[in-house]
Amino acid sequence: MSPLTPGAVLWADLGQSQGREQADVRPCLVVSSRDHIREVDPLITVMPCTSHDRGWINHVPLRGELRLHRPTYIMTEQVRTVSRVRLLRPIGYADIECLQEALEWLHRWTAQAA
């Protein structure tokens, strides 16, 4: 399996932040579709992750085949599209249930009518 597939988890350098954005090097979950990954090759859409458990219902525990040493949570409210040059190295893959839960939050944040 290619490291750039939906559900892949990679270390990414998100750079400096503005306001409450996540910054620096951290795990990120790939949420781009296979079509987006294929067609928009300089960019990738990710959700950054944190090891800080805020107890927020939208912070999905990251589960799957991963090389991480502590509990990690997907910050579904901070989805962003970044240059692929920000991607550093693979960590592993989220399991399908974890990816689906993150994508459900993405849909909730982006697809509701006014």
PDB file of N, CA and C in Angstrom:
ATOM      1  N   MET A   1       0.850  -1.181   0.000  1.00  0.00           N
ATOM      2  CA  MET A   1       0.000   0.000   0.000  1.00  0.00           C
ATOM      3  C   MET A   1       0.893   1.240   0.000  1.00  0.00           C
ATOM      4  N   SER A   2       0.545   2.209  -0.827  1.00  0.00           N
ATOM      5  CA  SER A   2       1.284   3.464  -0.907  1.00  0.00           C
ATOM      6  C   SER A   2       1.108   4.266   0.371  1.00  0.00           C
ATOM      7  N   PRO A   3       2.142   5.005   0.809  1.00  0.00           N
ATOM      8  CA  PRO A   3       1.978   5.835   2.006  1.00  0.00           C
ATOM      9  C   PRO A   3       0.917   6.918   1.825  1.00  0.00           C
ATOM     10  N   LEU A   4       0.641   7.319   0.579  1.00  0.00           N
ATOM     11  CA  LEU A   4      -0.365   8.355   0.362  1.00  0.00           C
ATOM     12  C   LEU A   4      -1.676   7.740  -0.094  1.00  0.00           C
ATOM     13  N   THR A   5      -2.433   7.263   0.882  1.00  0.00           N
ATOM     14  CA  THR A   5      -3.769   6.746   0.663  1.00  0.00           C
ATOM     15  C   THR A   5      -4.648   7.306   1.773  1.00  0.00           C
ATOM     16  N   PRO A   6      -5.964   7.345   1.558  1.00  0.00           N
ATOM     17  CA  PRO A   6      -6.833   7.760   2.665  1.00  0.00           C
ATOM     18  C   PRO A   6      -6.580   6.854   3.872  1.00  0.00           C
ATOM     19  N   GLY A   7      -6.393   7.465   5.035  1.00  0.00           N
ATOM     20  CA  GLY A   7      -6.134   6.702   6.250  1.00  0.00           C
ATOM     21  C   GLY A   7      -4.667   6.585   6.609  1.00  0.00           C
ATOM     22  N   ALA A   8      -3.771   6.982   5.700  1.00  0.00           N
ATOM     23  CA  ALA A   8      -2.351   6.981   6.032  1.00  0.00           C
ATOM     24  C   ALA A   8      -2.095   8.018   7.121  1.00  0.00           C
ATOM     25  N   VAL A   9      -1.138   7.727   7.986  1.00  0.00           N
ATOM     26  CA  VAL A   9      -0.718   8.666   9.023  1.00  0.00           C
ATOM     27  C   VAL A   9       0.756   8.930   8.798  1.00  0.00           C
ATOM     28  N   LEU A  10       1.096  10.211   8.680  1.00  0.00           N
ATOM     29  CA  LEU A  10       2.473  10.607   8.404  1.00  0.00           C
ATOM     30  C   LEU A  10       2.896  11.732   9.333  1.00  0.00           C
ATOM     31  N   TRP A  11       4.196  11.803   9.603  1.00  0.00           N
ATOM     32  CA  TRP A  11       4.736  12.986  10.261  1.00  0.00           C
ATOM     33  C   TRP A  11       4.725  14.090   9.217  1.00  0.00           C
ATOM     34  N   ALA A  12       4.278  15.275   9.623  1.00  0.00           N
ATOM     35  CA  ALA A  12       4.238  16.415   8.712  1.00  0.00           C
ATOM     36  C   ALA A  12       4.714  17.657   9.456  1.00  0.00           C
ATOM     37  N   ASP A  13       5.418  18.504   8.738  1.00  0.00           N
ATOM     38  CA  ASP A  13       5.857  19.781   9.293  1.00  0.00           C
ATOM     39  C   ASP A  13       4.840  20.834   8.881  1.00  0.00           C
ATOM     40  N   LEU A  14       3.982  21.220   9.815  1.00  0.00           N
ATOM     41  CA  LEU A  14       2.925  22.184   9.519  1.00  0.00           C
ATOM     42  C   LEU A  14       3.401  23.629   9.630  1.00  0.00           C
ATOM     43  N   GLY A  15       4.668  23.826   9.973  1.00  0.00           N
ATOM     44  CA  GLY A  15       5.221  25.172  10.004  1.00  0.00           C
ATOM     45  C   GLY A  15       4.703  25.986  11.178  1.00  0.00           C
ATOM     46  N   GLN A  16       4.766  27.290  11.032  1.00  0.00           N
ATOM     47  CA  GLN A  16       4.312  28.194  12.081  1.00  0.00           C
ATOM     48  C   GLN A  16       2.796  28.306  12.052  1.00  0.00           C
ATOM     49  N   SER A  17       2.240  28.623  13.209  1.00  0.00           N
ATOM     50  CA  SER A  17       0.786  28.734  13.296  1.00  0.00           C
ATOM     51  C   SER A  17       0.353  30.187  13.369  1.00  0.00           C
ATOM     52  N   GLN A  18      -0.896  30.379  13.097  1.00  0.00           N
ATOM     53  CA  GLN A  18      -1.582  31.642  13.323  1.00  0.00           C
ATOM     54  C   GLN A  18      -2.752  31.328  14.244  1.00  0.00           C
ATOM     55  N   GLY A  19      -2.910  32.082  15.298  1.00  0.00           N
ATOM     56  CA  GLY A  19      -4.021  31.833  16.218  1.00  0.00           C
ATOM     57  C   GLY A  19      -3.941  30.452  16.830  1.00  0.00           C
ATOM     58  N   ARG A  20      -5.034  29.689  16.720  1.00  0.00           N
ATOM     59  CA  ARG A  20      -5.140  28.368  17.350  1.00  0.00           C
ATOM     60  C   ARG A  20      -4.779  27.205  16.425  1.00  0.00           C
ATOM     61  N   GLU A  21      -4.227  27.499  15.240  1.00  0.00           N
ATOM     62  CA  GLU A  21      -3.833  26.429  14.327  1.00  0.00           C
ATOM     63  C   GLU A  21      -2.764  25.546  14.952  1.00  0.00           C
ATOM     64  N   GLN A  22      -2.759  24.291  14.552  1.00  0.00           N
ATOM     65  CA  GLN A  22      -1.688  23.394  14.954  1.00  0.00           C
ATOM     66  C   GLN A  22      -0.453  23.701  14.114  1.00  0.00           C
ATOM     67  N   ALA A  23       0.697  23.562  14.716  1.00  0.00           N
ATOM     68  CA  ALA A  23       1.942  23.909  14.041  1.00  0.00           C
ATOM     69  C   ALA A  23       2.993  22.837  14.296  1.00  0.00           C
ATOM     70  N   ASP A  24       4.160  23.082  13.742  1.00  0.00           N
ATOM     71  CA  ASP A  24       5.341  22.263  13.966  1.00  0.00           C
ATOM     72  C   ASP A  24       5.171  20.856  13.389  1.00  0.00           C
ATOM     73  N   VAL A  25       6.040  19.949  13.794  1.00  0.00           N
ATOM     74  CA  VAL A  25       6.019  18.567  13.287  1.00  0.00           C
ATOM     75  C   VAL A  25       5.085  17.750  14.159  1.00  0.00           C
ATOM     76  N   ARG A  26       4.129  17.089  13.508  1.00  0.00           N
ATOM     77  CA  ARG A  26       3.156  16.273  14.247  1.00  0.00           C
ATOM     78  C   ARG A  26       2.560  15.217  13.317  1.00  0.00           C
ATOM     79  N   PRO A  27       1.964  14.179  13.900  1.00  0.00           N
ATOM     80  CA  PRO A  27       1.271  13.196  13.065  1.00  0.00           C
ATOM     81  C   PRO A  27       0.055  13.833  12.398  1.00  0.00           C
ATOM     82  N   CYS A  28      -0.209  13.425  11.175  1.00  0.00           N
ATOM     83  CA  CYS A  28      -1.385  13.893  10.440  1.00  0.00           C
ATOM     84  C   CYS A  28      -2.036  12.710   9.734  1.00  0.00           C
ATOM     85  N   LEU A  29      -3.356  12.686   9.766  1.00  0.00           N
ATOM     86  CA  LEU A  29      -4.151  11.664   9.080  1.00  0.00           C
ATOM     87  C   LEU A  29      -4.521  12.171   7.698  1.00  0.00           C
ATOM     88  N   VAL A  30      -4.236  11.394   6.655  1.00  0.00           N
ATOM     89  CA  VAL A  30      -4.620  11.753   5.292  1.00  0.00           C
ATOM     90  C   VAL A  30      -6.113  11.510   5.121  1.00  0.00           C
ATOM     91  N   VAL A  31      -6.851  12.571   4.735  1.00  0.00           N
ATOM     92  CA  VAL A  31      -8.285  12.437   4.477  1.00  0.00           C
ATOM     93  C   VAL A  31      -8.637  12.757   3.025  1.00  0.00           C
ATOM     94  N   SER A  32      -7.643  13.052   2.199  1.00  0.00           N
ATOM     95  CA  SER A  32      -7.884  13.214   0.764  1.00  0.00           C
ATOM     96  C   SER A  32      -8.430  11.912   0.201  1.00  0.00           C
ATOM     97  N   SER A  33      -9.317  12.037  -0.782  1.00  0.00           N
ATOM     98  CA  SER A  33      -9.799  10.843  -1.482  1.00  0.00           C
ATOM     99  C   SER A  33      -8.702  10.338  -2.416  1.00  0.00           C
ATOM    100  N   ARG A  34      -8.866   9.125  -2.901  1.00  0.00           N
ATOM    101  CA  ARG A  34      -7.897   8.585  -3.867  1.00  0.00           C
ATOM    102  C   ARG A  34      -7.847   9.464  -5.116  1.00  0.00           C
ATOM    103  N   ASP A  35      -9.001   9.972  -5.570  1.00  0.00           N
ATOM    104  CA  ASP A  35      -9.036  10.858  -6.735  1.00  0.00           C
ATOM    105  C   ASP A  35      -8.256  12.139  -6.466  1.00  0.00           C
ATOM    106  N   HIS A  36      -8.453  12.730  -5.298  1.00  0.00           N
ATOM    107  CA  HIS A  36      -7.734  13.967  -4.947  1.00  0.00           C
ATOM    108  C   HIS A  36      -6.231  13.707  -4.916  1.00  0.00           C
ATOM    109  N   ILE A  37      -5.825  12.591  -4.317  1.00  0.00           N
ATOM    110  CA  ILE A  37      -4.405  12.248  -4.238  1.00  0.00           C
ATOM    111  C   ILE A  37      -3.813  12.086  -5.637  1.00  0.00           C
ATOM    112  N   ARG A  38      -4.559  11.462  -6.538  1.00  0.00           N
ATOM    113  CA  ARG A  38      -4.077  11.221  -7.907  1.00  0.00           C
ATOM    114  C   ARG A  38      -4.068  12.501  -8.738  1.00  0.00           C
ATOM    115  N   GLU A  39      -5.121  13.302  -8.667  1.00  0.00           N
ATOM    116  CA  GLU A  39      -5.297  14.435  -9.569  1.00  0.00           C
ATOM    117  C   GLU A  39      -4.649  15.736  -9.088  1.00  0.00           C
ATOM    118  N   VAL A  40      -4.550  15.924  -7.788  1.00  0.00           N
ATOM    119  CA  VAL A  40      -4.018  17.178  -7.243  1.00  0.00           C
ATOM    120  C   VAL A  40      -2.677  16.849  -6.587  1.00  0.00           C
ATOM    121  N   ASP A  41      -1.738  16.430  -7.415  1.00  0.00           N
ATOM    122  CA  ASP A  41      -0.520  15.834  -6.871  1.00  0.00           C
ATOM    123  C   ASP A  41       0.394  16.734  -6.056  1.00  0.00           C
ATOM    124  N   PRO A  42       0.333  18.062  -6.124  1.00  0.00           N
ATOM    125  CA  PRO A  42       1.222  18.805  -5.227  1.00  0.00           C
ATOM    126  C   PRO A  42       0.635  19.005  -3.821  1.00  0.00           C
ATOM    127  N   LEU A  43      -0.639  18.652  -3.617  1.00  0.00           N
ATOM    128  CA  LEU A  43      -1.321  18.938  -2.353  1.00  0.00           C
ATOM    129  C   LEU A  43      -1.906  17.676  -1.733  1.00  0.00           C
ATOM    130  N   ILE A  44      -2.169  17.750  -0.428  1.00  0.00           N
ATOM    131  CA  ILE A  44      -2.804  16.645   0.298  1.00  0.00           C
ATOM    132  C   ILE A  44      -3.636  17.252   1.421  1.00  0.00           C
ATOM    133  N   THR A  45      -4.797  16.664   1.688  1.00  0.00           N
ATOM    134  CA  THR A  45      -5.645  17.155   2.773  1.00  0.00           C
ATOM    135  C   THR A  45      -5.485  16.229   3.969  1.00  0.00           C
ATOM    136  N   VAL A  46      -5.232  16.839   5.130  1.00  0.00           N
ATOM    137  CA  VAL A  46      -4.920  16.087   6.341  1.00  0.00           C
ATOM    138  C   VAL A  46      -5.681  16.655   7.532  1.00  0.00           C
ATOM    139  N   MET A  47      -5.730  15.850   8.575  1.00  0.00           N
ATOM    140  CA  MET A  47      -6.183  16.299   9.889  1.00  0.00           C
ATOM    141  C   MET A  47      -5.005  16.124  10.832  1.00  0.00           C
ATOM    142  N   PRO A  48      -4.539  17.199  11.467  1.00  0.00           N
ATOM    143  CA  PRO A  48      -3.441  17.063  12.417  1.00  0.00           C
ATOM    144  C   PRO A  48      -3.887  16.297  13.657  1.00  0.00           C
ATOM    145  N   CYS A  49      -2.914  15.727  14.339  1.00  0.00           N
ATOM    146  CA  CYS A  49      -3.184  14.947  15.545  1.00  0.00           C
ATOM    147  C   CYS A  49      -2.434  15.534  16.730  1.00  0.00           C
ATOM    148  N   THR A  50      -2.904  15.206  17.926  1.00  0.00           N
ATOM    149  CA  THR A  50      -2.293  15.679  19.156  1.00  0.00           C
ATOM    150  C   THR A  50      -2.264  14.549  20.181  1.00  0.00           C
ATOM    151  N   SER A  51      -1.333  14.628  21.101  1.00  0.00           N
ATOM    152  CA  SER A  51      -1.317  13.658  22.204  1.00  0.00           C
ATOM    153  C   SER A  51      -2.026  14.232  23.433  1.00  0.00           C
ATOM    154  N   HIS A  52      -2.493  15.471  23.331  1.00  0.00           N
ATOM    155  CA  HIS A  52      -3.191  16.116  24.448  1.00  0.00           C
ATOM    156  C   HIS A  52      -4.677  15.774  24.394  1.00  0.00           C
ATOM    157  N   ASP A  53      -5.165  15.063  25.384  1.00  0.00           N
ATOM    158  CA  ASP A  53      -6.579  14.668  25.432  1.00  0.00           C
ATOM    159  C   ASP A  53      -7.385  15.775  26.089  1.00  0.00           C
ATOM    160  N   ARG A  54      -8.104  16.535  25.279  1.00  0.00           N
ATOM    161  CA  ARG A  54      -8.949  17.615  25.790  1.00  0.00           C
ATOM    162  C   ARG A  54     -10.338  17.116  26.187  1.00  0.00           C
ATOM    163  N   GLY A  55     -10.636  15.866  25.875  1.00  0.00           N
ATOM    164  CA  GLY A  55     -11.942  15.320  26.191  1.00  0.00           C
ATOM    165  C   GLY A  55     -13.030  15.793  25.240  1.00  0.00           C
ATOM    166  N   TRP A  56     -12.650  16.370  24.097  1.00  0.00           N
ATOM    167  CA  TRP A  56     -13.623  16.849  23.112  1.00  0.00           C
ATOM    168  C   TRP A  56     -14.166  15.655  22.327  1.00  0.00           C
ATOM    169  N   ILE A  57     -15.478  15.634  22.098  1.00  0.00           N
ATOM    170  CA  ILE A  57     -16.077  14.493  21.398  1.00  0.00           C
ATOM    171  C   ILE A  57     -15.614  14.377  19.957  1.00  0.00           C
ATOM    172  N   ASN A  58     -15.184  15.480  19.355  1.00  0.00           N
ATOM    173  CA  ASN A  58     -14.732  15.439  17.964  1.00  0.00           C
ATOM    174  C   ASN A  58     -13.255  15.102  17.829  1.00  0.00           C
ATOM    175  N   HIS A  59     -12.545  14.905  18.928  1.00  0.00           N
ATOM    176  CA  HIS A  59     -11.150  14.453  18.869  1.00  0.00           C
ATOM    177  C   HIS A  59     -11.162  12.926  18.901  1.00  0.00           C
ATOM    178  N   VAL A  60     -10.992  12.340  17.734  1.00  0.00           N
ATOM    179  CA  VAL A  60     -11.126  10.902  17.545  1.00  0.00           C
ATOM    180  C   VAL A  60      -9.822  10.208  17.951  1.00  0.00           C
ATOM    181  N   PRO A  61      -9.890   9.220  18.848  1.00  0.00           N
ATOM    182  CA  PRO A  61      -8.673   8.465  19.169  1.00  0.00           C
ATOM    183  C   PRO A  61      -8.129   7.786  17.910  1.00  0.00           C
ATOM    184  N   LEU A  62      -6.850   7.980  17.652  1.00  0.00           N
ATOM    185  CA  LEU A  62      -6.202   7.397  16.483  1.00  0.00           C
ATOM    186  C   LEU A  62      -5.914   5.933  16.765  1.00  0.00           C
ATOM    187  N   ARG A  63      -6.487   5.050  15.923  1.00  0.00           N
ATOM    188  CA  ARG A  63      -6.346   3.607  16.093  1.00  0.00           C
ATOM    189  C   ARG A  63      -5.889   2.996  14.775  1.00  0.00           C
ATOM    190  N   GLY A  64      -5.133   1.927  14.864  1.00  0.00           N
ATOM    191  CA  GLY A  64      -4.701   1.222  13.669  1.00  0.00           C
ATOM    192  C   GLY A  64      -3.295   0.695  13.847  1.00  0.00           C
ATOM    193  N   GLU A  65      -2.649   0.423  12.727  1.00  0.00           N
ATOM    194  CA  GLU A  65      -1.265  -0.055  12.727  1.00  0.00           C
ATOM    195  C   GLU A  65      -0.352   1.157  12.659  1.00  0.00           C
ATOM    196  N   LEU A  66       0.100   1.599  13.835  1.00  0.00           N
ATOM    197  CA  LEU A  66       0.815   2.868  13.937  1.00  0.00           C
ATOM    198  C   LEU A  66       2.072   2.725  14.779  1.00  0.00           C
ATOM    199  N   ARG A  67       3.078   3.484  14.422  1.00  0.00           N
ATOM    200  CA  ARG A  67       4.314   3.529  15.206  1.00  0.00           C
ATOM    201  C   ARG A  67       4.311   4.821  16.036  1.00  0.00           C
ATOM    202  N   LEU A  68       3.448   4.841  17.046  1.00  0.00           N
ATOM    203  CA  LEU A  68       3.366   5.960  17.987  1.00  0.00           C
ATOM    204  C   LEU A  68       3.465   5.392  19.396  1.00  0.00           C
ATOM    205  N   HIS A  69       4.046   6.153  20.300  1.00  0.00           N
ATOM    206  CA  HIS A  69       4.322   5.634  21.639  1.00  0.00           C
ATOM    207  C   HIS A  69       3.367   6.137  22.711  1.00  0.00           C
ATOM    208  N   ARG A  70       2.367   6.926  22.320  1.00  0.00           N
ATOM    209  CA  ARG A  70       1.394   7.396  23.309  1.00  0.00           C
ATOM    210  C   ARG A  70       0.044   7.590  22.626  1.00  0.00           C
ATOM    211  N   PRO A  71      -1.018   7.627  23.417  1.00  0.00           N
ATOM    212  CA  PRO A  71      -2.339   7.862  22.830  1.00  0.00           C
ATOM    213  C   PRO A  71      -2.344   9.171  22.034  1.00  0.00           C
ATOM    214  N   THR A  72      -2.991   9.136  20.881  1.00  0.00           N
ATOM    215  CA  THR A  72      -3.007  10.273  19.965  1.00  0.00           C
ATOM    216  C   THR A  72      -4.431  10.472  19.479  1.00  0.00           C
ATOM    217  N   TYR A  73      -4.807  11.721  19.247  1.00  0.00           N
ATOM    218  CA  TYR A  73      -6.178  12.087  18.905  1.00  0.00           C
ATOM    219  C   TYR A  73      -6.192  12.918  17.628  1.00  0.00           C
ATOM    220  N   ILE A  74      -7.122  12.589  16.735  1.00  0.00           N
ATOM    221  CA  ILE A  74      -7.278  13.317  15.481  1.00  0.00           C
ATOM    222  C   ILE A  74      -8.086  14.579  15.771  1.00  0.00           C
ATOM    223  N   MET A  75      -7.546  15.721  15.395  1.00  0.00           N
ATOM    224  CA  MET A  75      -8.212  17.009  15.612  1.00  0.00           C
ATOM    225  C   MET A  75      -9.073  17.314  14.388  1.00  0.00           C
ATOM    226  N   THR A  76     -10.294  16.783  14.388  1.00  0.00           N
ATOM    227  CA  THR A  76     -11.139  16.852  13.198  1.00  0.00           C
ATOM    228  C   THR A  76     -11.545  18.269  12.831  1.00  0.00           C
ATOM    229  N   GLU A  77     -11.478  19.187  13.771  1.00  0.00           N
ATOM    230  CA  GLU A  77     -11.866  20.577  13.495  1.00  0.00           C
ATOM    231  C   GLU A  77     -10.761  21.359  12.779  1.00  0.00           C
ATOM    232  N   GLN A  78      -9.586  20.750  12.594  1.00  0.00           N
ATOM    233  CA  GLN A  78      -8.466  21.486  12.011  1.00  0.00           C
ATOM    234  C   GLN A  78      -8.024  20.928  10.665  1.00  0.00           C
ATOM    235  N   VAL A  79      -8.961  20.392   9.899  1.00  0.00           N
ATOM    236  CA  VAL A  79      -8.640  19.860   8.569  1.00  0.00           C
ATOM    237  C   VAL A  79      -7.985  20.961   7.736  1.00  0.00           C
ATOM    238  N   ARG A  80      -6.945  20.565   6.974  1.00  0.00           N
ATOM    239  CA  ARG A  80      -6.284  21.541   6.115  1.00  0.00           C
ATOM    240  C   ARG A  80      -5.613  20.855   4.937  1.00  0.00           C
ATOM    241  N   THR A  81      -5.476  21.612   3.868  1.00  0.00           N
ATOM    242  CA  THR A  81      -4.782  21.129   2.683  1.00  0.00           C
ATOM    243  C   THR A  81      -3.393  21.750   2.693  1.00  0.00           C
ATOM    244  N   VAL A  82      -2.378  20.893   2.534  1.00  0.00           N
ATOM    245  CA  VAL A  82      -0.992  21.344   2.628  1.00  0.00           C
ATOM    246  C   VAL A  82      -0.210  20.834   1.426  1.00  0.00           C
ATOM    247  N   SER A  83       0.923  21.448   1.185  1.00  0.00           N
ATOM    248  CA  SER A  83       1.847  20.969   0.169  1.00  0.00           C
ATOM    249  C   SER A  83       2.408  19.616   0.595  1.00  0.00           C
ATOM    250  N   ARG A  84       2.585  18.737  -0.356  1.00  0.00           N
ATOM    251  CA  ARG A  84       3.164  17.427  -0.042  1.00  0.00           C
ATOM    252  C   ARG A  84       4.612  17.523   0.425  1.00  0.00           C
ATOM    253  N   VAL A  85       5.266  18.643   0.167  1.00  0.00           N
ATOM    254  CA  VAL A  85       6.640  18.778   0.649  1.00  0.00           C
ATOM    255  C   VAL A  85       6.679  18.866   2.174  1.00  0.00           C
ATOM    256  N   ARG A  86       5.545  19.127   2.821  1.00  0.00           N
ATOM    257  CA  ARG A  86       5.471  19.152   4.287  1.00  0.00           C
ATOM    258  C   ARG A  86       5.486  17.745   4.898  1.00  0.00           C
ATOM    259  N   LEU A  87       5.214  16.724   4.082  1.00  0.00           N
ATOM    260  CA  LEU A  87       5.169  15.350   4.581  1.00  0.00           C
ATOM    261  C   LEU A  87       6.584  14.823   4.777  1.00  0.00           C
ATOM    262  N   LEU A  88       6.840  14.244   5.942  1.00  0.00           N
ATOM    263  CA  LEU A  88       8.199  13.819   6.280  1.00  0.00           C
ATOM    264  C   LEU A  88       8.403  12.318   6.173  1.00  0.00           C
ATOM    265  N   ARG A  89       7.635  11.535   6.923  1.00  0.00           N
ATOM    266  CA  ARG A  89       7.808  10.079   6.875  1.00  0.00           C
ATOM    267  C   ARG A  89       6.532   9.398   7.378  1.00  0.00           C
ATOM    268  N   PRO A  90       6.280   8.186   6.894  1.00  0.00           N
ATOM    269  CA  PRO A  90       5.069   7.474   7.303  1.00  0.00           C
ATOM    270  C   PRO A  90       5.159   6.966   8.737  1.00  0.00           C
ATOM    271  N   ILE A  91       3.988   6.897   9.369  1.00  0.00           N
ATOM    272  CA  ILE A  91       3.846   6.345  10.725  1.00  0.00           C
ATOM    273  C   ILE A  91       3.071   5.038  10.678  1.00  0.00           C
ATOM    274  N   GLY A  92       2.151   4.933   9.729  1.00  0.00           N
ATOM    275  CA  GLY A  92       1.311   3.743   9.625  1.00  0.00           C
ATOM    276  C   GLY A  92      -0.034   4.105   9.026  1.00  0.00           C
ATOM    277  N   TYR A  93      -1.052   3.320   9.396  1.00  0.00           N
ATOM    278  CA  TYR A  93      -2.381   3.491   8.822  1.00  0.00           C
ATOM    279  C   TYR A  93      -3.433   3.398   9.919  1.00  0.00           C
ATOM    280  N   ALA A  94      -4.396   4.314   9.863  1.00  0.00           N
ATOM    281  CA  ALA A  94      -5.556   4.231  10.749  1.00  0.00           C
ATOM    282  C   ALA A  94      -6.427   3.074  10.295  1.00  0.00           C
ATOM    283  N   ASP A  95      -7.118   2.437  11.239  1.00  0.00           N
ATOM    284  CA  ASP A  95      -8.045   1.387  10.825  1.00  0.00           C
ATOM    285  C   ASP A  95      -9.272   2.038  10.190  1.00  0.00           C
ATOM    286  N   ILE A  96     -10.038   1.241   9.457  1.00  0.00           N
ATOM    287  CA  ILE A  96     -11.149   1.764   8.656  1.00  0.00           C
ATOM    288  C   ILE A  96     -12.199   2.445   9.532  1.00  0.00           C
ATOM    289  N   GLU A  97     -12.474   1.913  10.705  1.00  0.00           N
ATOM    290  CA  GLU A  97     -13.474   2.530  11.589  1.00  0.00           C
ATOM    291  C   GLU A  97     -13.006   3.896  12.065  1.00  0.00           C
ATOM    292  N   CYS A  98     -11.743   4.021  12.369  1.00  0.00           N
ATOM    293  CA  CYS A  98     -11.170   5.297  12.800  1.00  0.00           C
ATOM    294  C   CYS A  98     -11.256   6.323  11.668  1.00  0.00           C
ATOM    295  N   LEU A  99     -10.854   5.923  10.466  1.00  0.00           N
ATOM    296  CA  LEU A  99     -10.932   6.819   9.312  1.00  0.00           C
ATOM    297  C   LEU A  99     -12.372   7.243   9.063  1.00  0.00           C
ATOM    298  N   GLN A 100     -13.304   6.300   9.116  1.00  0.00           N
ATOM    299  CA  GLN A 100     -14.707   6.638   8.885  1.00  0.00           C
ATOM    300  C   GLN A 100     -15.223   7.623   9.923  1.00  0.00           C
ATOM    301  N   GLU A 101     -14.841   7.446  11.177  1.00  0.00           N
ATOM    302  CA  GLU A 101     -15.278   8.369  12.227  1.00  0.00           C
ATOM    303  C   GLU A 101     -14.724   9.774  11.972  1.00  0.00           C
ATOM    304  N   ALA A 102     -13.461   9.871  11.579  1.00  0.00           N
ATOM    305  CA  ALA A 102     -12.878  11.177  11.258  1.00  0.00           C
ATOM    306  C   ALA A 102     -13.593  11.812  10.070  1.00  0.00           C
ATOM    307  N   LEU A 103     -13.895  11.015   9.038  1.00  0.00           N
ATOM    308  CA  LEU A 103     -14.576  11.540   7.857  1.00  0.00           C
ATOM    309  C   LEU A 103     -16.008  11.961   8.171  1.00  0.00           C
ATOM    310  N   GLU A 104     -16.654  11.277   9.111  1.00  0.00           N
ATOM    311  CA  GLU A 104     -17.993  11.703   9.535  1.00  0.00           C
ATOM    312  C   GLU A 104     -17.939  13.094  10.165  1.00  0.00           C
ATOM    313  N   TRP A 105     -16.897  13.344  10.963  1.00  0.00           N
ATOM    314  CA  TRP A 105     -16.729  14.692  11.532  1.00  0.00           C
ATOM    315  C   TRP A 105     -16.435  15.699  10.438  1.00  0.00           C
ATOM    316  N   LEU A 106     -15.630  15.341   9.452  1.00  0.00           N
ATOM    317  CA  LEU A 106     -15.353  16.245   8.338  1.00  0.00           C
ATOM    318  C   LEU A 106     -16.653  16.610   7.628  1.00  0.00           C
ATOM    319  N   HIS A 107     -17.484  15.623   7.380  1.00  0.00           N
ATOM    320  CA  HIS A 107     -18.775  15.879   6.746  1.00  0.00           C
ATOM    321  C   HIS A 107     -19.627  16.796   7.629  1.00  0.00           C
ATOM    322  N   ARG A 108     -19.647  16.526   8.910  1.00  0.00           N
ATOM    323  CA  ARG A 108     -20.431  17.349   9.842  1.00  0.00           C
ATOM    324  C   ARG A 108     -19.958  18.804   9.826  1.00  0.00           C
ATOM    325  N   TRP A 109     -18.639  19.013   9.777  1.00  0.00           N
ATOM    326  CA  TRP A 109     -18.092  20.368   9.796  1.00  0.00           C
ATOM    327  C   TRP A 109     -18.300  21.096   8.469  1.00  0.00           C
ATOM    328  N   THR A 110     -18.400  20.365   7.347  1.00  0.00           N
ATOM    329  CA  THR A 110     -18.362  21.038   6.056  1.00  0.00           C
ATOM    330  C   THR A 110     -19.627  20.938   5.214  1.00  0.00           C
ATOM    331  N   ALA A 111     -20.513  20.003   5.477  1.00  0.00           N
ATOM    332  CA  ALA A 111     -21.605  19.729   4.535  1.00  0.00           C
ATOM    333  C   ALA A 111     -22.988  20.125   5.022  1.00  0.00           C
ATOM    334  N   GLN A 112     -23.095  20.718   6.177  1.00  0.00           N
ATOM    335  CA  GLN A 112     -24.428  21.085   6.646  1.00  0.00           C
ATOM    336  C   GLN A 112     -24.908  22.372   5.993  1.00  0.00           C
ATOM    337  N   ALA A 113     -26.182  22.373   5.662  1.00  0.00           N
ATOM    338  CA  ALA A 113     -26.774  23.583   5.072  1.00  0.00           C
ATOM    339  C   ALA A 113     -26.953  24.644   6.152  1.00  0.00           C
ATOM    340  N   ALA A 114     -26.945  25.878   5.716  1.00  0.00           N
ATOM    341  CA  ALA A 114     -27.107  27.005   6.660  1.00  0.00           C
ATOM    342  C   ALA A 114     -28.508  27.035   7.235  1.00  0.00           C
TER     343      ALA A 114
END
